[in-house]
Amino acid sequence: MPAGAIIAGGESTRFGDADKAVADLAGTPMIRRVADRLVGVVDALVVNCRADQWDAIAETLADYPLPVSYAIDPEPDQGPMAGIRTALRGVERDTDAEYAFVAACDMPFLDADVVDLLFERAAGHDAAVPRPDEWYETTHAVYRAREMADACDAALARSEGKILAPLEALDWVVVEESALRERGSIETFRNVNTREKFERAVRDLA
C-alpha cells in the first residue's frame, strides 16, 4: 500500500524566523493540515526534517491516525532533492510501500483526489510528476521509493543542482493540467512559503 512523505527540512528563509512547518494556520499547524489531507489516501507517513525540528513536529502529529516515522536530514538544508532522497529512504526503511507521494510541508490545500490520480498514473513507472503550468511540481509527486532515492543519490554525487536531474535516469510520466483539473483542484499546488501567502491562507481557511 502507498505511503506519504512530507518534506519539512528547508530553512524557511522566505518565511522569516519561524518554522513554517509548525506555524499555526487558522488553528492548525501547517504540516498537520498537509498530513490530515493524506488520511484515506496513504497507509503511513514519513516526515523529513532537521533534527532541531523533530520535537515540535512530532508534537503536532502525536495523535495522527496513521503510523508516522521520521527521516532526519544527515546534513541540514541541502535542498529539495536531498529532502526527497532522505524521505524516500525513510519510506524504504519504515514501510512496505513501493510508491510514495511526496509533498512539501507548505501545501495545506492539498487535494486527495489529485494524489489518487498521481498514484494511478505512476503504476508501472518510476514516477508521476504533475505539470499544472510551465513548471513541474516535483514536491507534489509520486515516486517509486527505492528507484527515486537511488537516482537522487547519483545526481547529488554528480553535484547536480536541478531538481529534474534524478528523473533523467528513470521511467517517469507527466500529468498535465487538463487531467489534473478533470480529477481535482489546481489549488492543491498552492504553496504557503511567505508571510504574505500565509496571511492570505489564514483568511481563506477561517
Protein backbone atom coordinates (compact mmCIF):
# COMPACT_ATOMS: atom_id res chain seq x y z
CA MET A 1 0.00 0.00 0.00
CA PRO A 2 1.26 3.53 -0.70
CA ALA A 3 2.96 5.86 1.75
CA GLY A 4 3.05 9.61 2.14
CA ALA A 5 6.18 11.64 2.72
CA ILE A 6 6.28 15.27 3.82
CA ILE A 7 9.39 17.39 3.25
CA ALA A 8 9.82 19.86 6.11
CA GLY A 9 13.57 20.34 6.42
CA GLY A 10 14.01 23.59 4.49
CA GLU A 11 15.20 26.65 6.36
CA SER A 12 12.03 28.68 5.55
CA THR A 13 14.17 31.65 4.54
CA ARG A 14 11.25 33.46 2.87
CA PHE A 15 9.03 32.87 5.89
CA GLY A 16 11.05 34.77 8.48
CA ASP A 17 12.46 33.42 11.73
CA ALA A 18 9.60 30.99 12.47
CA ASP A 19 9.43 27.40 11.24
CA LYS A 20 6.65 27.37 8.65
CA ALA A 21 6.08 23.62 9.16
CA VAL A 22 4.55 24.16 12.60
CA ALA A 23 3.18 27.67 12.07
CA ASP A 24 -0.39 27.97 13.35
CA LEU A 25 -2.51 28.19 10.19
CA ALA A 26 -6.06 29.12 11.21
CA GLY A 27 -5.84 27.00 14.36
CA THR A 28 -3.89 24.02 12.98
CA PRO A 29 -0.13 23.68 12.39
CA MET A 30 0.56 23.81 8.67
CA ILE A 31 2.25 20.40 8.48
CA ARG A 32 -0.73 18.85 10.25
CA ARG A 33 -3.06 20.30 7.61
CA VAL A 34 -0.98 18.62 4.90
CA ALA A 35 -0.87 15.34 6.82
CA ASP A 36 -4.61 15.35 7.54
CA ARG A 37 -5.41 15.65 3.83
CA LEU A 38 -3.47 12.43 3.19
CA VAL A 39 -5.59 10.32 5.55
CA GLY A 40 -7.51 7.87 3.41
CA VAL A 41 -5.00 8.10 0.54
CA VAL A 42 -1.89 6.59 2.18
CA ASP A 43 -1.31 4.00 4.88
CA ALA A 44 1.73 5.51 6.59
CA LEU A 45 3.52 8.83 6.80
CA VAL A 46 7.22 9.65 6.78
CA VAL A 47 8.34 13.17 7.70
CA ASN A 48 11.70 14.50 6.56
CA CYS A 49 13.01 17.27 8.82
CA ARG A 50 16.06 18.62 10.57
CA ALA A 51 17.00 17.25 13.96
CA ASP A 52 16.11 20.55 15.64
CA GLN A 53 12.55 20.39 14.21
CA TRP A 54 11.77 16.86 15.34
CA ASP A 55 10.23 17.55 18.75
CA ALA A 56 7.89 20.33 17.57
CA ILE A 57 6.72 18.39 14.51
CA ALA A 58 6.26 15.18 16.49
CA GLU A 59 4.06 17.08 18.95
CA THR A 60 1.78 18.28 16.15
CA LEU A 61 1.43 14.72 14.83
CA ALA A 62 1.18 12.96 18.20
CA ASP A 63 -2.44 11.85 17.68
CA TYR A 64 -2.23 11.30 13.92
CA PRO A 65 -4.35 8.28 12.91
CA LEU A 66 -1.68 6.65 10.72
CA PRO A 67 1.80 5.34 11.60
CA VAL A 68 4.33 8.18 11.50
CA SER A 69 8.11 7.92 11.29
CA TYR A 70 10.85 10.48 10.81
CA ALA A 71 13.71 10.71 8.32
CA ILE A 72 16.18 13.20 9.73
CA ASP A 73 18.44 15.14 7.39
CA PRO A 74 22.03 13.87 7.78
CA GLU A 75 23.15 17.37 6.75
CA PRO A 76 20.65 20.22 7.14
CA ASP A 77 19.36 22.40 4.30
CA GLN A 78 20.84 20.57 1.32
CA GLY A 79 17.89 21.43 -0.92
CA PRO A 80 14.70 19.71 -2.06
CA MET A 81 16.43 16.87 -3.92
CA ALA A 82 18.25 15.80 -0.76
CA GLY A 83 15.00 16.12 1.19
CA ILE A 84 13.16 13.87 -1.27
CA ARG A 85 16.01 11.34 -1.13
CA THR A 86 16.05 11.25 2.66
CA ALA A 87 12.26 10.98 2.88
CA LEU A 88 12.16 8.10 0.40
CA ARG A 89 14.91 6.26 2.25
CA GLY A 90 12.66 6.58 5.29
CA VAL A 91 9.79 5.09 3.28
CA GLU A 92 12.05 2.16 2.35
CA ARG A 93 13.16 1.70 5.96
CA ASP A 94 9.87 2.11 7.78
CA THR A 95 7.10 0.95 5.44
CA ASP A 96 6.31 -1.79 2.96
CA ALA A 97 5.33 0.76 0.31
CA GLU A 98 6.74 0.58 -3.20
CA TYR A 99 5.40 4.04 -4.05
CA ALA A 100 5.18 7.23 -2.02
CA PHE A 101 3.53 10.57 -2.56
CA VAL A 102 5.96 13.35 -1.67
CA ALA A 103 4.59 16.71 -0.58
CA ALA A 104 6.18 19.90 0.66
CA CYS A 105 5.06 20.93 4.15
CA ASP A 106 3.78 24.28 2.85
CA MET A 107 0.96 22.89 0.67
CA PRO A 108 -2.03 22.91 3.07
CA PHE A 109 -4.60 22.95 0.24
CA LEU A 110 -3.53 19.51 -0.96
CA ASP A 111 -6.29 17.65 -2.83
CA ALA A 112 -6.54 13.92 -2.10
CA ASP A 113 -8.22 13.30 -5.46
CA VAL A 114 -5.16 14.65 -7.27
CA VAL A 115 -2.94 12.43 -5.12
CA ASP A 116 -5.04 9.42 -6.10
CA LEU A 117 -4.62 10.35 -9.77
CA LEU A 118 -0.85 10.55 -9.37
CA PHE A 119 -0.72 7.10 -7.80
CA GLU A 120 -2.78 5.74 -10.69
CA ARG A 121 -0.50 7.31 -13.29
CA ALA A 122 2.68 6.18 -11.51
CA ALA A 123 1.69 2.50 -11.54
CA GLY A 124 4.20 0.55 -13.61
CA HIS A 125 6.55 3.55 -13.82
CA ASP A 126 9.14 5.10 -11.52
CA ALA A 127 7.34 8.41 -11.03
CA ALA A 128 4.34 10.54 -11.92
CA VAL A 129 5.09 14.26 -11.81
CA PRO A 130 2.36 16.87 -12.35
CA ARG A 131 2.82 19.88 -14.59
CA PRO A 132 -0.11 22.24 -13.94
CA ASP A 133 1.62 25.08 -15.82
CA GLU A 134 5.10 25.53 -17.28
CA TRP A 135 6.71 24.15 -14.10
CA TYR A 136 6.97 20.57 -12.88
CA GLU A 137 5.74 20.07 -9.30
CA THR A 138 8.43 17.69 -8.04
CA THR A 139 7.48 18.23 -4.39
CA HIS A 140 3.89 17.21 -5.11
CA ALA A 141 4.55 13.96 -6.96
CA VAL A 142 4.51 10.17 -6.65
CA TYR A 143 7.77 8.22 -6.79
CA ARG A 144 8.85 4.59 -6.64
CA ALA A 145 10.77 4.97 -3.41
CA ARG A 146 13.95 2.98 -3.96
CA GLU A 147 14.45 3.96 -7.58
CA MET A 148 13.98 7.69 -6.97
CA ALA A 149 16.16 7.65 -3.85
CA ASP A 150 18.93 5.90 -5.79
CA ALA A 151 18.59 8.40 -8.65
CA CYS A 152 18.77 11.32 -6.20
CA ASP A 153 21.91 9.87 -4.62
CA ALA A 154 23.52 9.56 -8.05
CA ALA A 155 22.54 13.12 -9.01
CA LEU A 156 23.81 14.52 -5.71
CA ALA A 157 27.09 12.64 -6.18
CA ARG A 158 27.44 14.41 -9.55
CA SER A 159 26.70 17.76 -7.83
CA GLU A 160 23.60 18.15 -9.98
CA GLY A 161 21.56 21.12 -8.87
CA LYS A 162 18.40 20.88 -10.96
CA ILE A 163 15.54 19.04 -9.31
CA LEU A 164 14.65 17.17 -12.53
CA ALA A 165 18.12 15.60 -12.79
CA PRO A 166 17.25 12.36 -10.95
CA LEU A 167 14.29 11.80 -13.24
CA GLU A 168 16.53 11.66 -16.31
CA ALA A 169 17.59 8.16 -15.23
CA LEU A 170 14.02 6.97 -14.56
CA ASP A 171 10.88 5.91 -16.38
CA TRP A 172 8.52 8.73 -15.47
CA VAL A 173 5.25 10.16 -16.71
CA VAL A 174 3.98 13.73 -16.77
CA VAL A 175 0.44 14.52 -15.61
CA GLU A 176 -0.74 17.58 -17.47
CA GLU A 177 -3.07 20.37 -16.36
CA SER A 178 -6.15 19.05 -18.15
CA ALA A 179 -6.01 15.70 -16.36
CA LEU A 180 -5.35 17.39 -13.03
CA ARG A 181 -8.33 19.73 -13.42
CA GLU A 182 -10.57 16.88 -14.50
CA ARG A 183 -9.83 14.96 -11.29
CA GLY A 184 -9.42 17.68 -8.67
CA SER A 185 -8.40 21.23 -7.82
CA ILE A 186 -5.31 23.06 -9.04
CA GLU A 187 -5.34 24.71 -5.58
CA THR A 188 -3.57 21.52 -4.47
CA PHE A 189 -0.33 23.10 -5.75
CA ARG A 190 -0.77 26.34 -3.82
CA ASN A 191 2.17 26.81 -1.51
CA VAL A 192 2.39 29.00 1.57
CA ASN A 193 6.08 29.87 1.75
CA THR A 194 5.96 33.59 2.56
CA ARG A 195 4.27 35.61 5.30
CA GLU A 196 2.03 37.28 2.72
CA LYS A 197 0.83 33.93 1.37
CA PHE A 198 0.39 32.68 4.93
CA GLU A 199 -1.87 35.55 5.91
CA ARG A 200 -3.93 35.03 2.75
CA ALA A 201 -4.25 31.32 3.57
CA VAL A 202 -5.40 32.16 7.10
CA ARG A 203 -8.18 34.28 5.65
CA ASP A 204 -9.17 31.59 3.17
CA LEU A 205 -9.28 28.86 5.83
CA ALA A 206 -11.03 30.92 8.51
